[in-house]
Amino acid sequence: MLKPETTAAAEQTQAPRSVTVSEFPVVQHRHRDGTIVTVRLRRVAGEYKSFCTGCNTEFVYRKPRQSRMIHHKSPLLPEIQGNYDDPEHDRP
């Protein structure tokens, strides 16, 4: 079943949707007509928020949490040693 197309006027009358983002200080998103829009997050009531009137969306910044998974160094990659900025390093 096809979803009926919503117009910009209909989107404005709907309740605004809230999207949590982890990018800071700007968020880029795409509108229904294909345009890419950039909104800047600003501090409001102790948290970073922004509202896009074009798509009736509120963007709220949440800092990403540290991963709970333990990341180990790859045994396949050797340790890199040496000063590669030194011109003497390139000489045999």
Protein backbone atom coordinates (compact mmCIF):
# COMPACT_ATOMS: atom_id res chain seq x y z
CA MET A 1 0.00 0.00 0.00
CA LEU A 2 1.40 3.41 -0.94
CA LYS A 3 1.84 6.03 1.71
CA PRO A 4 0.12 9.32 0.77
CA GLU A 5 2.46 12.22 0.05
CA THR A 6 2.54 14.84 2.76
CA THR A 7 2.90 18.48 1.88
CA ALA A 8 5.04 21.02 3.69
CA ALA A 9 1.89 22.62 5.12
CA ALA A 10 0.72 19.27 6.50
CA GLU A 11 4.14 18.67 8.09
CA GLN A 12 3.90 22.01 9.89
CA THR A 13 0.58 21.07 11.53
CA GLN A 14 1.89 17.73 12.82
CA ALA A 15 3.62 17.51 16.18
CA PRO A 16 7.38 18.11 15.80
CA ARG A 17 9.51 15.01 15.87
CA SER A 18 12.61 14.85 18.05
CA VAL A 19 15.87 13.34 16.75
CA THR A 20 18.87 12.57 18.95
CA VAL A 21 22.21 13.28 17.24
CA SER A 22 25.85 12.81 18.18
CA GLU A 23 27.33 15.32 15.71
CA PHE A 24 28.33 18.70 17.05
CA PRO A 25 28.14 21.74 16.44
CA VAL A 26 26.12 21.37 13.20
CA VAL A 27 23.74 18.74 11.81
CA GLN A 28 23.09 18.15 8.12
CA HIS A 29 19.91 16.45 7.03
CA ARG A 30 17.84 15.99 3.88
CA HIS A 31 14.38 17.43 3.32
CA ARG A 32 11.68 15.65 1.31
CA ASP A 33 12.43 17.74 -1.77
CA GLY A 34 16.05 16.52 -1.74
CA THR A 35 17.77 19.66 -0.45
CA ILE A 36 20.52 19.25 2.14
CA VAL A 37 20.01 21.60 5.08
CA THR A 38 22.51 22.46 7.83
CA VAL A 39 21.29 23.54 11.27
CA ARG A 40 23.53 24.78 14.08
CA LEU A 41 23.08 23.40 17.58
CA ARG A 42 22.82 26.01 20.32
CA ARG A 43 22.67 25.69 24.10
CA VAL A 44 19.07 25.86 25.30
CA ALA A 45 18.15 25.06 28.92
CA GLY A 46 21.46 23.30 29.58
CA GLU A 47 21.55 21.11 26.45
CA TYR A 48 22.39 21.62 22.80
CA LYS A 49 19.33 21.79 20.56
CA SER A 50 18.20 23.11 17.21
CA PHE A 51 14.87 23.24 15.42
CA CYS A 52 14.39 22.98 11.64
CA THR A 53 11.20 24.70 10.56
CA GLY A 54 11.46 23.24 7.04
CA CYS A 55 10.82 19.67 8.22
CA ASN A 56 9.38 20.39 11.69
CA THR A 57 12.16 18.47 13.46
CA GLU A 58 13.98 19.17 16.71
CA PHE A 59 17.59 17.94 16.93
CA VAL A 60 18.96 17.22 20.41
CA TYR A 61 22.67 16.50 20.98
CA ARG A 62 23.66 13.62 23.23
CA LYS A 63 27.33 12.89 23.83
CA PRO A 64 28.19 9.35 22.73
CA ARG A 65 29.05 6.91 25.50
CA GLN A 66 32.31 5.06 25.70
CA SER A 67 32.15 1.59 24.19
CA ARG A 68 31.63 -1.26 26.65
CA MET A 69 33.50 -3.63 24.35
CA ILE A 70 37.20 -4.08 25.07
CA HIS A 71 39.25 -3.28 21.98
CA HIS A 72 42.55 -5.13 21.63
CA LYS A 73 45.42 -4.21 19.35
CA SER A 74 45.55 -6.28 16.20
CA PRO A 75 48.20 -9.02 16.33
CA LEU A 76 48.52 -8.75 12.55
CA LEU A 77 49.73 -5.15 12.52
CA PRO A 78 53.34 -4.65 13.63
CA GLU A 79 54.33 -1.82 15.91
CA ILE A 80 55.56 1.19 13.94
CA GLN A 81 58.91 2.42 15.11
CA GLY A 82 61.05 5.24 13.82
CA ASN A 83 60.84 8.90 13.03
CA TYR A 84 59.40 9.18 9.54
CA ASP A 85 59.70 12.98 9.53
CA ASP A 86 63.50 12.69 9.77
CA PRO A 87 65.17 12.94 6.31
CA GLU A 88 67.92 10.59 7.57
CA HIS A 89 65.31 7.83 7.94
CA ASP A 90 64.90 7.44 4.15
CA ARG A 91 68.61 6.75 3.56
CA PRO A 92 69.76 3.11 3.43
